[in-house]
Amino acid sequence: MDEYQVEPMAEGLARDTQAKYVCSQCWGGLYLELVEGTHYPNRSYRALCIKCGAATKGYTTQHYANKARERSAAELAEVRSAYHGLFEKRQTTAEIMHDLGF
């Protein structure tokens, strides 16, 4: 049984996928892996995530991933602004237990 989640593709499509897409799970970059048993001129490749490897399930556009990262950064800045001071205060375990009444 094939251990891969993504289908093999022709070299041109694989290179386009690598250039324009990222992993749909972690938004990691892609690398191309030559499918065993395929030879020139009919070589097939799989575009796999640098982090997920054979567990790569699919792709999303780099544009989408970049926009989502921008939104997340903006939301983080908004939360930090709204809750200023909470992120800087670090309590020890003993202080937390004391505050809880233990």
N, C-alpha and C. Protein backbone atom coordinates (compact mmCIF):
# COMPACT_ATOMS: atom_id res chain seq x y z
N MET A 1 0.84 -1.19 0.00
CA MET A 1 0.00 0.00 0.00
C MET A 1 0.88 1.24 0.00
N ASP A 2 0.47 2.25 -0.73
CA ASP A 2 1.22 3.49 -0.86
C ASP A 2 1.13 4.29 0.44
N GLU A 3 2.26 4.70 0.97
CA GLU A 3 2.28 5.44 2.23
C GLU A 3 2.00 6.94 2.05
N TYR A 4 1.97 7.41 0.83
CA TYR A 4 1.80 8.84 0.55
C TYR A 4 0.33 9.24 0.49
N GLN A 5 0.06 10.49 0.89
CA GLN A 5 -1.29 11.03 0.86
C GLN A 5 -1.57 11.80 -0.43
N VAL A 6 -0.51 12.25 -1.12
CA VAL A 6 -0.68 13.05 -2.33
C VAL A 6 -0.30 12.23 -3.56
N GLU A 7 -0.94 12.56 -4.66
CA GLU A 7 -0.74 11.83 -5.90
C GLU A 7 0.51 12.31 -6.64
N PRO A 8 1.15 11.41 -7.39
CA PRO A 8 2.27 11.82 -8.24
C PRO A 8 1.77 12.73 -9.36
N MET A 9 2.67 13.56 -9.88
CA MET A 9 2.31 14.47 -10.96
C MET A 9 3.48 14.63 -11.91
N ALA A 10 3.17 15.11 -13.11
CA ALA A 10 4.20 15.35 -14.12
C ALA A 10 5.16 16.43 -13.61
N GLU A 11 6.36 16.43 -14.17
CA GLU A 11 7.41 17.34 -13.69
C GLU A 11 6.99 18.81 -13.73
N GLY A 12 6.40 19.26 -14.83
CA GLY A 12 6.00 20.66 -14.96
C GLY A 12 4.99 21.07 -13.90
N LEU A 13 3.97 20.24 -13.69
CA LEU A 13 2.97 20.53 -12.69
C LEU A 13 3.59 20.49 -11.29
N ALA A 14 4.48 19.56 -11.07
CA ALA A 14 5.14 19.46 -9.76
C ALA A 14 5.96 20.71 -9.46
N ARG A 15 6.68 21.21 -10.45
CA ARG A 15 7.48 22.43 -10.25
C ARG A 15 6.59 23.65 -10.01
N ASP A 16 5.48 23.74 -10.74
CA ASP A 16 4.52 24.83 -10.50
C ASP A 16 3.92 24.74 -9.09
N THR A 17 3.59 23.54 -8.68
CA THR A 17 3.04 23.33 -7.34
C THR A 17 4.05 23.76 -6.28
N GLN A 18 5.29 23.37 -6.46
CA GLN A 18 6.34 23.75 -5.51
C GLN A 18 6.51 25.27 -5.45
N ALA A 19 6.39 25.93 -6.58
CA ALA A 19 6.60 27.38 -6.64
C ALA A 19 5.44 28.19 -6.08
N LYS A 20 4.20 27.68 -6.19
CA LYS A 20 3.02 28.50 -5.88
C LYS A 20 2.23 28.05 -4.65
N TYR A 21 2.56 26.89 -4.11
CA TYR A 21 1.77 26.33 -3.02
C TYR A 21 2.62 26.00 -1.81
N VAL A 22 1.95 25.79 -0.68
CA VAL A 22 2.57 25.34 0.56
C VAL A 22 1.73 24.19 1.12
N CYS A 23 2.23 23.54 2.14
CA CYS A 23 1.50 22.45 2.80
C CYS A 23 0.19 22.99 3.38
N SER A 24 -0.89 22.26 3.20
CA SER A 24 -2.19 22.71 3.70
C SER A 24 -2.31 22.57 5.21
N GLN A 25 -1.44 21.82 5.83
CA GLN A 25 -1.53 21.61 7.27
C GLN A 25 -0.67 22.58 8.08
N CYS A 26 0.59 22.74 7.67
CA CYS A 26 1.51 23.57 8.47
C CYS A 26 2.03 24.78 7.72
N TRP A 27 1.64 24.92 6.45
CA TRP A 27 2.07 26.01 5.58
C TRP A 27 3.58 25.98 5.33
N GLY A 28 4.17 24.80 5.47
CA GLY A 28 5.59 24.65 5.20
C GLY A 28 5.86 24.60 3.70
N GLY A 29 7.10 24.89 3.32
CA GLY A 29 7.51 24.83 1.92
C GLY A 29 7.49 23.40 1.39
N LEU A 30 7.54 23.26 0.09
CA LEU A 30 7.48 21.95 -0.55
C LEU A 30 8.78 21.60 -1.23
N TYR A 31 9.07 20.32 -1.31
CA TYR A 31 10.19 19.82 -2.10
C TYR A 31 9.66 18.73 -3.01
N LEU A 32 10.39 18.44 -4.07
CA LEU A 32 9.94 17.42 -5.03
C LEU A 32 10.69 16.13 -4.81
N GLU A 33 9.95 15.05 -4.83
CA GLU A 33 10.54 13.72 -4.69
C GLU A 33 10.20 12.92 -5.95
N LEU A 34 11.22 12.39 -6.58
CA LEU A 34 11.03 11.57 -7.77
C LEU A 34 10.35 10.26 -7.37
N VAL A 35 9.32 9.89 -8.10
CA VAL A 35 8.59 8.65 -7.83
C VAL A 35 9.42 7.49 -8.38
N GLU A 36 9.68 6.51 -7.52
CA GLU A 36 10.48 5.35 -7.93
C GLU A 36 9.85 4.65 -9.13
N GLY A 37 10.71 4.20 -10.02
CA GLY A 37 10.25 3.44 -11.17
C GLY A 37 9.82 4.29 -12.35
N THR A 38 9.90 5.62 -12.23
CA THR A 38 9.57 6.47 -13.36
C THR A 38 10.87 6.99 -13.98
N HIS A 39 10.90 7.08 -15.28
CA HIS A 39 12.12 7.45 -16.00
C HIS A 39 11.82 8.51 -17.04
N TYR A 40 12.85 9.24 -17.43
CA TYR A 40 12.75 10.25 -18.46
C TYR A 40 12.23 9.62 -19.73
N PRO A 41 11.32 10.20 -20.46
CA PRO A 41 10.72 11.53 -20.30
C PRO A 41 9.44 11.52 -19.48
N ASN A 42 9.07 10.41 -18.91
CA ASN A 42 7.79 10.32 -18.19
C ASN A 42 7.98 10.24 -16.68
N ARG A 43 8.92 10.99 -16.17
CA ARG A 43 9.15 11.00 -14.72
C ARG A 43 7.96 11.61 -14.01
N SER A 44 7.67 11.07 -12.84
CA SER A 44 6.62 11.61 -11.98
C SER A 44 7.23 12.04 -10.65
N TYR A 45 6.65 13.06 -10.07
CA TYR A 45 7.13 13.60 -8.81
C TYR A 45 5.98 13.76 -7.84
N ARG A 46 6.33 13.78 -6.57
CA ARG A 46 5.38 14.17 -5.53
C ARG A 46 5.92 15.45 -4.91
N ALA A 47 5.05 16.41 -4.69
CA ALA A 47 5.42 17.63 -3.97
C ALA A 47 5.10 17.37 -2.50
N LEU A 48 6.14 17.30 -1.68
CA LEU A 48 5.98 16.97 -0.27
C LEU A 48 6.43 18.13 0.61
N CYS A 49 5.81 18.25 1.76
CA CYS A 49 6.15 19.30 2.72
C CYS A 49 7.50 19.01 3.36
N ILE A 50 8.28 20.06 3.54
CA ILE A 50 9.59 19.93 4.18
C ILE A 50 9.44 19.38 5.60
N LYS A 51 8.37 19.77 6.30
CA LYS A 51 8.17 19.33 7.68
C LYS A 51 7.38 18.02 7.78
N CYS A 52 6.32 17.89 6.99
CA CYS A 52 5.41 16.74 7.10
C CYS A 52 5.85 15.52 6.29
N GLY A 53 6.65 15.72 5.25
CA GLY A 53 7.14 14.62 4.43
C GLY A 53 6.02 13.81 3.82
N ALA A 54 6.09 12.48 3.99
CA ALA A 54 5.11 11.58 3.39
C ALA A 54 3.70 11.80 3.93
N ALA A 55 3.57 12.47 5.07
CA ALA A 55 2.26 12.73 5.65
C ALA A 55 1.58 13.96 5.04
N THR A 56 2.19 14.58 4.04
CA THR A 56 1.59 15.74 3.38
C THR A 56 0.22 15.34 2.84
N LYS A 57 -0.82 16.09 3.21
CA LYS A 57 -2.18 15.74 2.80
C LYS A 57 -2.67 16.55 1.62
N GLY A 58 -2.10 17.74 1.41
CA GLY A 58 -2.57 18.58 0.32
C GLY A 58 -1.85 19.91 0.33
N TYR A 59 -2.36 20.84 -0.47
CA TYR A 59 -1.69 22.12 -0.66
C TYR A 59 -2.68 23.27 -0.55
N THR A 60 -2.15 24.43 -0.21
CA THR A 60 -2.91 25.67 -0.28
C THR A 60 -1.97 26.71 -0.89
N THR A 61 -2.54 27.76 -1.45
CA THR A 61 -1.68 28.73 -2.13
C THR A 61 -0.82 29.50 -1.12
N GLN A 62 0.36 29.90 -1.58
CA GLN A 62 1.22 30.73 -0.74
C GLN A 62 0.51 32.03 -0.40
N HIS A 63 -0.27 32.56 -1.35
CA HIS A 63 -1.00 33.80 -1.13
C HIS A 63 -1.95 33.67 0.07
N TYR A 64 -2.71 32.58 0.11
CA TYR A 64 -3.64 32.36 1.23
C TYR A 64 -2.87 32.27 2.55
N ALA A 65 -1.80 31.49 2.57
CA ALA A 65 -1.03 31.31 3.80
C ALA A 65 -0.44 32.64 4.28
N ASN A 66 0.07 33.44 3.36
CA ASN A 66 0.65 34.73 3.73
C ASN A 66 -0.41 35.67 4.28
N LYS A 67 -1.59 35.70 3.66
CA LYS A 67 -2.68 36.55 4.16
C LYS A 67 -3.13 36.09 5.55
N ALA A 68 -3.22 34.79 5.76
CA ALA A 68 -3.62 34.27 7.07
C ALA A 68 -2.57 34.60 8.13
N ARG A 69 -1.30 34.54 7.78
CA ARG A 69 -0.24 34.93 8.72
C ARG A 69 -0.35 36.41 9.07
N GLU A 70 -0.64 37.25 8.08
CA GLU A 70 -0.80 38.69 8.32
C GLU A 70 -1.97 38.94 9.27
N ARG A 71 -3.09 38.25 9.05
CA ARG A 71 -4.25 38.40 9.93
C ARG A 71 -3.90 37.97 11.35
N SER A 72 -3.20 36.86 11.48
CA SER A 72 -2.82 36.36 12.80
C SER A 72 -1.91 37.34 13.52
N ALA A 73 -0.96 37.92 12.80
CA ALA A 73 -0.05 38.90 13.41
C ALA A 73 -0.82 40.14 13.86
N ALA A 74 -1.78 40.57 13.04
CA ALA A 74 -2.59 41.74 13.41
C ALA A 74 -3.45 41.44 14.64
N GLU A 75 -4.02 40.24 14.71
CA GLU A 75 -4.83 39.86 15.87
C GLU A 75 -3.98 39.79 17.13
N LEU A 76 -2.76 39.26 17.01
CA LEU A 76 -1.86 39.18 18.15
C LEU A 76 -1.52 40.58 18.65
N ALA A 77 -1.24 41.50 17.74
CA ALA A 77 -0.93 42.88 18.12
C ALA A 77 -2.12 43.52 18.83
N GLU A 78 -3.32 43.24 18.35
CA GLU A 78 -4.54 43.79 18.97
C GLU A 78 -4.72 43.25 20.38
N VAL A 79 -4.51 41.95 20.55
CA VAL A 79 -4.66 41.33 21.88
C VAL A 79 -3.59 41.87 22.83
N ARG A 80 -2.37 41.97 22.36
CA ARG A 80 -1.29 42.51 23.21
C ARG A 80 -1.61 43.93 23.64
N SER A 81 -2.16 44.72 22.75
CA SER A 81 -2.52 46.10 23.07
C SER A 81 -3.66 46.14 24.09
N ALA A 82 -4.66 45.30 23.90
CA ALA A 82 -5.83 45.29 24.78
C ALA A 82 -5.49 44.75 26.17
N TYR A 83 -4.55 43.83 26.25
CA TYR A 83 -4.20 43.20 27.52
C TYR A 83 -2.78 43.56 27.93
N HIS A 84 -2.40 44.81 27.67
CA HIS A 84 -1.05 45.28 27.97
C HIS A 84 -0.73 45.04 29.44
N GLY A 85 0.44 44.52 29.69
CA GLY A 85 0.87 44.28 31.06
C GLY A 85 0.70 42.84 31.50
N LEU A 86 -0.26 42.14 30.95
CA LEU A 86 -0.46 40.74 31.35
C LEU A 86 0.62 39.82 30.80
N PHE A 87 1.12 40.14 29.63
CA PHE A 87 2.10 39.26 29.01
C PHE A 87 3.48 39.41 29.64
N GLU A 88 3.75 40.56 30.26
CA GLU A 88 5.06 40.78 30.83
C GLU A 88 5.19 40.17 32.23
N LYS A 89 4.07 40.04 32.94
CA LYS A 89 4.11 39.54 34.31
C LYS A 89 4.23 38.02 34.31
N ARG A 90 5.33 37.53 34.84
CA ARG A 90 5.54 36.09 34.96
C ARG A 90 5.58 35.73 36.45
N GLN A 91 4.73 34.81 36.85
CA GLN A 91 4.70 34.38 38.23
C GLN A 91 5.37 33.02 38.36
N THR A 92 5.96 32.82 39.53
CA THR A 92 6.54 31.51 39.82
C THR A 92 5.40 30.57 40.21
N THR A 93 5.69 29.30 40.25
CA THR A 93 4.69 28.31 40.66
C THR A 93 4.23 28.60 42.08
N ALA A 94 5.16 28.97 42.94
CA ALA A 94 4.82 29.28 44.34
C ALA A 94 3.86 30.47 44.43
N GLU A 95 4.09 31.51 43.63
CA GLU A 95 3.22 32.68 43.62
C GLU A 95 1.82 32.32 43.13
N ILE A 96 1.75 31.51 42.09
CA ILE A 96 0.45 31.08 41.57
C ILE A 96 -0.31 30.28 42.62
N MET A 97 0.37 29.34 43.26
CA MET A 97 -0.28 28.52 44.31
C MET A 97 -0.75 29.40 45.45
N HIS A 98 0.04 30.38 45.85
CA HIS A 98 -0.35 31.30 46.92
C HIS A 98 -1.60 32.09 46.54
N ASP A 99 -1.61 32.61 45.30
CA ASP A 99 -2.77 33.37 44.82
C ASP A 99 -4.04 32.51 44.79
N LEU A 100 -3.86 31.21 44.59
CA LEU A 100 -5.01 30.30 44.55
C LEU A 100 -5.42 29.83 45.95
N GLY A 101 -4.64 30.22 46.97
CA GLY A 101 -5.00 29.88 48.34
C GLY A 101 -4.37 28.61 48.86
N PHE A 102 -3.34 28.14 48.22
CA PHE A 102 -2.67 26.93 48.66
C PHE A 102 -1.38 27.26 49.40
